[in-house]
Amino acid sequence: MEIGDFRHVRVSYLAGLVALCLAGLVGCSGEEKGGPSANAKRPMPDQVISDFNITETAKSRKEWKMEAEKAFVYEDRHILDADTVRVTFFGASGETRSVLTALHGTLNRNTDDMDARGNVVVTGSDGVVLRTESLTWVAENRQIVSQDSVTVIRHGDVLTGWGFRGDPDLGKFEILRNMKATIRPADVGAGGSGL
């Protein structure tokens, strides 16, 4: 599904939206044991889509693919909110460069920027892993950025700090503040005797 194809799915998901509206009118007080319901935190969407996926292309080449357990489309704001998100970033030859997973995500349909929130993990194709609680894909710069605390695990070394800026494949990146590193000691000698 291309970015501009959202309007074409409206009819097929109308039944789901009607069911959601009816559920909101019948028997929902907005309170559950332990606090307000999840629906009370999210405004009423124009569409609700289960098993959502969308692919962004540029010059017939896949840039990224976003998949979500559920997506909530807000036409007036040009925003899509999603739960249980997986974003795959592709290289020039169509190979997977990295995969991002998060509990929640937001796609701005005007800019193609994406925000990921909650247990955000980015895994590069060479095994480098970034963990944080919030991250943004800035489409114009083709970079991922964060202002949150970050942990990067690379070849057994662990880097921590605050703030992050880098390529989505984690090949080039910068931790912006208070960086600390725990470096794994290299094996000593061919036999690894440690002497």
Foldseek 3Di string as FASTA:
>chain_A
DELVCPVVCLVVQVVVLVVVVVVCVPPQPQADVPGGDPCVVDDRASGKDAQDKYFYDDPNATAKMKTARMWGHHVVQQKIKGAFIKMFGADPVRHTFKIKTAGMKMARSVQRKMKGAHFIWIAGPVGKIKTFGIWMQRVVVQKIKAQTWMWIADPNKIKIAGMKIDHSNPPDIDHDGDIDIDDDDDQPDPVSPVD
